[in-house]
Amino acid sequence: MTDDKMRAEFEEWARSTFNWHTWEQVAPEEPKTISSWDGEKYCHRVVNGMWLAWQASRASLCVELPAPVPDYAFGDDPQSEAWSIGYNLALRHCAAALDKAGVKYR
């Protein structure tokens, strides 16, 4: 997940939880306020601390996916190869969804 996407999610959460808005959304021509973003951090230490905690919570999240299975992993049944292919395809789809959400996996 890019930092911009992660920051957008953080700001959406802050808006929905605290009715918080960045100053840039309200009055971009005004001087900086406690919730301004300077390109690297939030200008208010409490808001920036919330942002750092948000980043840390995302960095520590890691999903362990099961290993792919070999062909015919489900026995001698004629459908075993199809089941193996379907299982491995589902794992790839799960990995793609986790990538899109910015969640690490192994």
C-alpha atoms as a PDB file:
ATOM      1  CA  MET A   1       0.000   0.000   0.000  1.00  0.00           C
ATOM      2  CA  THR A   2       1.328   3.430  -0.807  1.00  0.00           C
ATOM      3  CA  ASP A   3       1.742   6.009   1.920  1.00  0.00           C
ATOM      4  CA  ASP A   4      -0.781   8.237   0.130  1.00  0.00           C
ATOM      5  CA  LYS A   5      -3.396   5.479   0.173  1.00  0.00           C
ATOM      6  CA  MET A   6      -2.649   4.679   3.811  1.00  0.00           C
ATOM      7  CA  ARG A   7      -2.885   8.372   4.724  1.00  0.00           C
ATOM      8  CA  ALA A   8      -6.211   8.655   2.866  1.00  0.00           C
ATOM      9  CA  GLU A   9      -7.555   5.707   4.891  1.00  0.00           C
ATOM     10  CA  PHE A  10      -6.282   7.300   8.105  1.00  0.00           C
ATOM     11  CA  GLU A  11      -7.969  10.598   7.288  1.00  0.00           C
ATOM     12  CA  GLU A  12     -11.227   8.827   6.365  1.00  0.00           C
ATOM     13  CA  TRP A  13     -11.146   6.972   9.693  1.00  0.00           C
ATOM     14  CA  ALA A  14     -10.406  10.217  11.557  1.00  0.00           C
ATOM     15  CA  ARG A  15     -13.275  11.983   9.768  1.00  0.00           C
ATOM     16  CA  SER A  16     -15.754   9.235  10.579  1.00  0.00           C
ATOM     17  CA  THR A  17     -14.548   8.756  14.167  1.00  0.00           C
ATOM     18  CA  PHE A  18     -13.831  12.319  15.307  1.00  0.00           C
ATOM     19  CA  ASN A  19     -15.542  14.473  12.652  1.00  0.00           C
ATOM     20  CA  TRP A  20     -11.996  15.614  11.869  1.00  0.00           C
ATOM     21  CA  HIS A  21     -10.964  17.305   8.640  1.00  0.00           C
ATOM     22  CA  THR A  22      -7.640  18.409   7.302  1.00  0.00           C
ATOM     23  CA  TRP A  23      -7.366  22.138   7.058  1.00  0.00           C
ATOM     24  CA  GLU A  24      -6.608  21.780   3.360  1.00  0.00           C
ATOM     25  CA  GLN A  25     -10.102  20.331   2.841  1.00  0.00           C
ATOM     26  CA  VAL A  26     -11.784  23.224   4.614  1.00  0.00           C
ATOM     27  CA  ALA A  27      -9.795  26.310   3.668  1.00  0.00           C
ATOM     28  CA  PRO A  28      -6.638  25.624   1.641  1.00  0.00           C
ATOM     29  CA  GLU A  29      -5.740  29.315   1.361  1.00  0.00           C
ATOM     30  CA  GLU A  30      -5.508  29.737   5.149  1.00  0.00           C
ATOM     31  CA  PRO A  31      -2.344  29.257   7.236  1.00  0.00           C
ATOM     32  CA  LYS A  32      -1.533  25.837   8.603  1.00  0.00           C
ATOM     33  CA  THR A  33      -3.493  24.488  11.531  1.00  0.00           C
ATOM     34  CA  ILE A  34      -3.168  21.456  13.793  1.00  0.00           C
ATOM     35  CA  SER A  35      -4.313  19.045  11.112  1.00  0.00           C
ATOM     36  CA  SER A  36      -2.260  20.305   8.192  1.00  0.00           C
ATOM     37  CA  TRP A  37      -0.106  17.866   6.266  1.00  0.00           C
ATOM     38  CA  ASP A  38       3.305  19.247   5.272  1.00  0.00           C
ATOM     39  CA  GLY A  39       4.174  16.436   2.878  1.00  0.00           C
ATOM     40  CA  GLU A  40       5.965  14.337   5.512  1.00  0.00           C
ATOM     41  CA  LYS A  41       4.005  14.666   8.736  1.00  0.00           C
ATOM     42  CA  TYR A  42       1.009  16.319  10.366  1.00  0.00           C
ATOM     43  CA  CYS A  43       1.854  19.682  11.886  1.00  0.00           C
ATOM     44  CA  HIS A  44       0.258  18.924  15.255  1.00  0.00           C
ATOM     45  CA  ARG A  45       2.153  16.406  17.384  1.00  0.00           C
ATOM     46  CA  VAL A  46      -0.974  14.607  18.638  1.00  0.00           C
ATOM     47  CA  VAL A  47      -2.365  14.155  15.132  1.00  0.00           C
ATOM     48  CA  ASN A  48       1.067  13.084  13.910  1.00  0.00           C
ATOM     49  CA  GLY A  49       1.289  10.603  16.808  1.00  0.00           C
ATOM     50  CA  MET A  50      -2.051   9.149  15.726  1.00  0.00           C
ATOM     51  CA  TRP A  51      -0.685   8.860  12.184  1.00  0.00           C
ATOM     52  CA  LEU A  52       2.471   7.087  13.387  1.00  0.00           C
ATOM     53  CA  ALA A  53       0.360   4.643  15.402  1.00  0.00           C
ATOM     54  CA  TRP A  54      -1.847   4.034  12.358  1.00  0.00           C
ATOM     55  CA  GLN A  55       1.221   3.237  10.236  1.00  0.00           C
ATOM     56  CA  ALA A  56       2.631   0.914  12.901  1.00  0.00           C
ATOM     57  CA  SER A  57      -0.652  -0.969  13.169  1.00  0.00           C
ATOM     58  CA  ARG A  58      -0.639  -1.579   9.420  1.00  0.00           C
ATOM     59  CA  ALA A  59       3.029  -2.577   9.363  1.00  0.00           C
ATOM     60  CA  SER A  60       2.553  -5.205  12.064  1.00  0.00           C
ATOM     61  CA  LEU A  61      -0.403  -6.876  10.323  1.00  0.00           C
ATOM     62  CA  CYS A  62       0.651 -10.012   8.427  1.00  0.00           C
ATOM     63  CA  VAL A  63      -1.610 -12.838   7.267  1.00  0.00           C
ATOM     64  CA  GLU A  64      -0.203 -16.338   6.914  1.00  0.00           C
ATOM     65  CA  LEU A  65      -1.634 -18.031   3.849  1.00  0.00           C
ATOM     66  CA  PRO A  66      -1.553 -21.815   3.505  1.00  0.00           C
ATOM     67  CA  ALA A  67       0.925 -23.294   1.064  1.00  0.00           C
ATOM     68  CA  PRO A  68      -0.162 -24.208  -2.463  1.00  0.00           C
ATOM     69  CA  VAL A  69      -0.836 -27.887  -3.023  1.00  0.00           C
ATOM     70  CA  PRO A  70       0.602 -30.136  -5.736  1.00  0.00           C
ATOM     71  CA  ASP A  71      -1.568 -31.665  -8.456  1.00  0.00           C
ATOM     72  CA  TYR A  72      -3.600 -34.600  -7.174  1.00  0.00           C
ATOM     73  CA  ALA A  73      -3.077 -33.483  -3.573  1.00  0.00           C
ATOM     74  CA  PHE A  74      -6.619 -34.551  -2.792  1.00  0.00           C
ATOM     75  CA  GLY A  75      -6.140 -38.221  -3.670  1.00  0.00           C
ATOM     76  CA  ASP A  76      -6.756 -40.452  -6.643  1.00  0.00           C
ATOM     77  CA  ASP A  77     -10.213 -39.109  -7.361  1.00  0.00           C
ATOM     78  CA  PRO A  78     -10.542 -38.014 -11.014  1.00  0.00           C
ATOM     79  CA  GLN A  79     -11.485 -34.535  -9.754  1.00  0.00           C
ATOM     80  CA  SER A  80      -8.364 -34.224  -7.560  1.00  0.00           C
ATOM     81  CA  GLU A  81      -6.365 -32.293 -10.153  1.00  0.00           C
ATOM     82  CA  ALA A  82      -9.231 -29.822 -10.681  1.00  0.00           C
ATOM     83  CA  TRP A  83      -9.592 -29.369  -6.913  1.00  0.00           C
ATOM     84  CA  SER A  84      -5.857 -28.708  -6.591  1.00  0.00           C
ATOM     85  CA  ILE A  85      -5.949 -26.169  -9.407  1.00  0.00           C
ATOM     86  CA  GLY A  86      -8.989 -24.463  -7.874  1.00  0.00           C
ATOM     87  CA  TYR A  87      -7.401 -24.377  -4.418  1.00  0.00           C
ATOM     88  CA  ASN A  88      -4.192 -22.817  -5.738  1.00  0.00           C
ATOM     89  CA  LEU A  89      -6.154 -20.324  -7.821  1.00  0.00           C
ATOM     90  CA  ALA A  90      -8.115 -19.299  -4.717  1.00  0.00           C
ATOM     91  CA  LEU A  91      -4.827 -18.739  -2.865  1.00  0.00           C
ATOM     92  CA  ARG A  92      -3.619 -16.450  -5.672  1.00  0.00           C
ATOM     93  CA  HIS A  93      -6.886 -14.498  -5.524  1.00  0.00           C
ATOM     94  CA  CYS A  94      -6.526 -14.141  -1.750  1.00  0.00           C
ATOM     95  CA  ALA A  95      -2.965 -12.881  -2.186  1.00  0.00           C
ATOM     96  CA  ALA A  96      -4.117 -10.352  -4.805  1.00  0.00           C
ATOM     97  CA  ALA A  97      -6.881  -9.076  -2.498  1.00  0.00           C
ATOM     98  CA  LEU A  98      -4.411  -8.722   0.364  1.00  0.00           C
ATOM     99  CA  ASP A  99      -2.003  -6.829  -1.930  1.00  0.00           C
ATOM    100  CA  LYS A 100      -4.781  -4.478  -2.970  1.00  0.00           C
ATOM    101  CA  ALA A 101      -5.688  -3.834   0.667  1.00  0.00           C
ATOM    102  CA  GLY A 102      -2.045  -3.245   1.571  1.00  0.00           C
ATOM    103  CA  VAL A 103      -1.899  -6.209   3.950  1.00  0.00           C
ATOM    104  CA  LYS A 104       1.324  -8.183   4.108  1.00  0.00           C
ATOM    105  CA  TYR A 105       1.203 -11.955   3.875  1.00  0.00           C
ATOM    106  CA  ARG A 106       3.532 -14.901   3.753  1.00  0.00           C
END
